[in-house]
C-alpha atoms as a PDB file:
ATOM      1  CA  UNK A   1      25.199   7.766 288.787  1.00  0.00           C
ATOM      2  CA  UNK A   2      28.343   7.685 291.207  1.00  0.00           C
ATOM      3  CA  UNK A   3      29.190  11.314 292.515  1.00  0.00           C
ATOM      4  CA  UNK A   4      32.337  12.110 293.296  1.00  0.00           C
ATOM      5  CA  UNK A   5      33.554  12.117 297.418  1.00  0.00           C
ATOM      6  CA  UNK A   6      34.177  14.779 299.325  1.00  0.00           C
ATOM      7  CA  UNK A   7      37.983  13.246 299.269  1.00  0.00           C
ATOM      8  CA  UNK A   8      37.988  13.127 295.700  1.00  0.00           C
ATOM      9  CA  UNK A   9      36.918  17.015 295.441  1.00  0.00           C
ATOM     10  CA  UNK A  10      39.349  17.620 298.259  1.00  0.00           C
ATOM     11  CA  UNK A  11      42.293  15.738 295.976  1.00  0.00           C
ATOM     12  CA  UNK A  12      41.508  18.494 293.440  1.00  0.00           C
ATOM     13  CA  UNK A  13      41.473  21.426 296.052  1.00  0.00           C
ATOM     14  CA  UNK A  14      45.686  20.201 296.399  1.00  0.00           C
ATOM     15  CA  UNK A  15      46.190  20.454 293.273  1.00  0.00           C
ATOM     16  CA  UNK A  16      45.656  24.264 292.943  1.00  0.00           C
ATOM     17  CA  UNK A  17      42.662  24.264 291.044  1.00  0.00           C
ATOM     18  CA  UNK A  18      39.110  25.283 292.159  1.00  0.00           C
ATOM     19  CA  UNK A  19      36.765  22.307 291.519  1.00  0.00           C
ATOM     20  CA  UNK A  20      33.708  23.328 289.814  1.00  0.00           C
ATOM     21  CA  UNK A  21      30.214  22.184 288.883  1.00  0.00           C
ATOM     22  CA  UNK A  22      28.081  22.971 285.322  1.00  0.00           C
ATOM     23  CA  UNK A  23      24.536  22.439 284.654  1.00  0.00           C
ATOM     24  CA  UNK A  24      22.693  22.048 281.742  1.00  0.00           C
ATOM     25  CA  UNK A  25      19.040  22.747 282.114  1.00  0.00           C
ATOM     26  CA  UNK A  26      16.666  21.055 279.672  1.00  0.00           C
ATOM     27  CA  UNK A  27      12.981  21.432 279.393  1.00  0.00           C
ATOM     28  CA  UNK A  28      10.346  20.129 276.719  1.00  0.00           C
ATOM     29  CA  UNK A  29      13.542  19.723 274.365  1.00  0.00           C
ATOM     30  CA  UNK A  30      15.106  23.452 275.165  1.00  0.00           C
ATOM     31  CA  UNK A  31      18.506  24.478 276.689  1.00  0.00           C
ATOM     32  CA  UNK A  32      18.780  27.340 279.022  1.00  0.00           C
ATOM     33  CA  UNK A  33      22.283  28.775 277.912  1.00  0.00           C
ATOM     34  CA  UNK A  34      23.459  32.502 279.667  1.00  0.00           C
ATOM     35  CA  UNK A  35      24.804  35.014 277.613  1.00  0.00           C
ATOM     36  CA  UNK A  36      27.935  36.218 279.016  1.00  0.00           C
ATOM     37  CA  UNK A  37      28.599  39.873 277.428  1.00  0.00           C
ATOM     38  CA  UNK A  38      31.997  40.549 278.615  1.00  0.00           C
ATOM     39  CA  UNK A  39      33.185  37.882 276.959  1.00  0.00           C
ATOM     40  CA  UNK A  40      30.683  37.651 273.911  1.00  0.00           C
ATOM     41  CA  UNK A  41      30.110  33.926 275.190  1.00  0.00           C
ATOM     42  CA  UNK A  42      27.115  31.500 275.326  1.00  0.00           C
ATOM     43  CA  UNK A  43      27.805  29.125 278.762  1.00  0.00           C
ATOM     44  CA  UNK A  44      25.715  27.416 280.772  1.00  0.00           C
ATOM     45  CA  UNK A  45      24.966  28.047 284.592  1.00  0.00           C
ATOM     46  CA  UNK A  46      28.117  26.985 286.640  1.00  0.00           C
ATOM     47  CA  UNK A  47      30.095  27.577 289.702  1.00  0.00           C
ATOM     48  CA  UNK A  48      32.899  26.519 292.459  1.00  0.00           C
ATOM     49  CA  UNK A  49      32.065  23.834 294.843  1.00  0.00           C
ATOM     50  CA  UNK A  50      32.611  24.703 298.285  1.00  0.00           C
ATOM     51  CA  UNK A  51      34.367  23.133 301.223  1.00  0.00           C
ATOM     52  CA  UNK A  52      32.819  20.322 303.011  1.00  0.00           C
ATOM     53  CA  UNK A  53      30.100  20.393 299.990  1.00  0.00           C
ATOM     54  CA  UNK A  54      29.114  17.412 297.461  1.00  0.00           C
ATOM     55  CA  UNK A  55      28.756  18.091 293.749  1.00  0.00           C
ATOM     56  CA  UNK A  56      25.187  17.800 294.006  1.00  0.00           C
ATOM     57  CA  UNK A  57      24.715  20.691 297.047  1.00  0.00           C
ATOM     58  CA  UNK A  58      27.071  23.071 294.866  1.00  0.00           C
ATOM     59  CA  UNK A  59      24.960  22.078 291.730  1.00  0.00           C
ATOM     60  CA  UNK A  60      21.341  23.258 293.442  1.00  0.00           C
ATOM     61  CA  UNK A  61      23.422  26.304 294.960  1.00  0.00           C
ATOM     62  CA  UNK A  62      24.753  27.468 291.794  1.00  0.00           C
ATOM     63  CA  UNK A  63      21.637  26.696 289.997  1.00  0.00           C
ATOM     64  CA  UNK A  64      19.646  28.551 292.626  1.00  0.00           C
ATOM     65  CA  UNK A  65      21.744  31.522 292.317  1.00  0.00           C
ATOM     66  CA  UNK A  66      22.039  31.934 288.610  1.00  0.00           C
ATOM     67  CA  UNK A  67      18.652  30.701 287.588  1.00  0.00           C
ATOM     68  CA  UNK A  68      16.479  31.557 290.567  1.00  0.00           C
ATOM     69  CA  UNK A  69      14.917  29.656 292.868  1.00  0.00           C
ATOM     70  CA  UNK A  70      11.680  29.852 290.915  1.00  0.00           C
ATOM     71  CA  UNK A  71      13.208  27.992 288.227  1.00  0.00           C
ATOM     72  CA  UNK A  72      15.112  25.437 290.447  1.00  0.00           C
ATOM     73  CA  UNK A  73      12.473  24.700 293.319  1.00  0.00           C
ATOM     74  CA  UNK A  74      11.188  21.540 291.566  1.00  0.00           C
ATOM     75  CA  UNK A  75      14.862  20.367 290.435  1.00  0.00           C
ATOM     76  CA  UNK A  76      15.409  17.004 291.482  1.00  0.00           C
ATOM     77  CA  UNK A  77      19.153  16.441 292.130  1.00  0.00           C
ATOM     78  CA  UNK A  78      18.338  12.690 291.818  1.00  0.00           C
ATOM     79  CA  UNK A  79      17.826  13.838 287.756  1.00  0.00           C
ATOM     80  CA  UNK A  80      21.570  14.279 287.513  1.00  0.00           C
ATOM     81  CA  UNK A  81      22.496  11.635 285.037  1.00  0.00           C
ATOM     82  CA  UNK A  82      26.069  12.521 284.676  1.00  0.00           C
ATOM     83  CA  UNK A  83      29.348  13.820 287.291  1.00  0.00           C
ATOM     84  CA  UNK A  84      33.148  13.480 286.338  1.00  0.00           C
ATOM     85  CA  UNK A  85      36.343  14.829 287.959  1.00  0.00           C
ATOM     86  CA  UNK A  86      38.754  16.299 285.488  1.00  0.00           C
END
């Protein structure tokens, strides 16, 4: 897997957009989704990338925040299979 560099992430910021990450957690063929009542919408856990933070660091931080430490404690960032910058 090739991750975006900090320079590429900062280039996104310069265009006025906030770079972000989205996680798709799969365990025993089950996918974790969140229901956002405010929007009546199912989503994957997600969040922004802070200044100086890599995509992997942001993913782990956001997953801890949204799904809790107990689900993320054994998360292995090397298991990330795809990243992209849009």
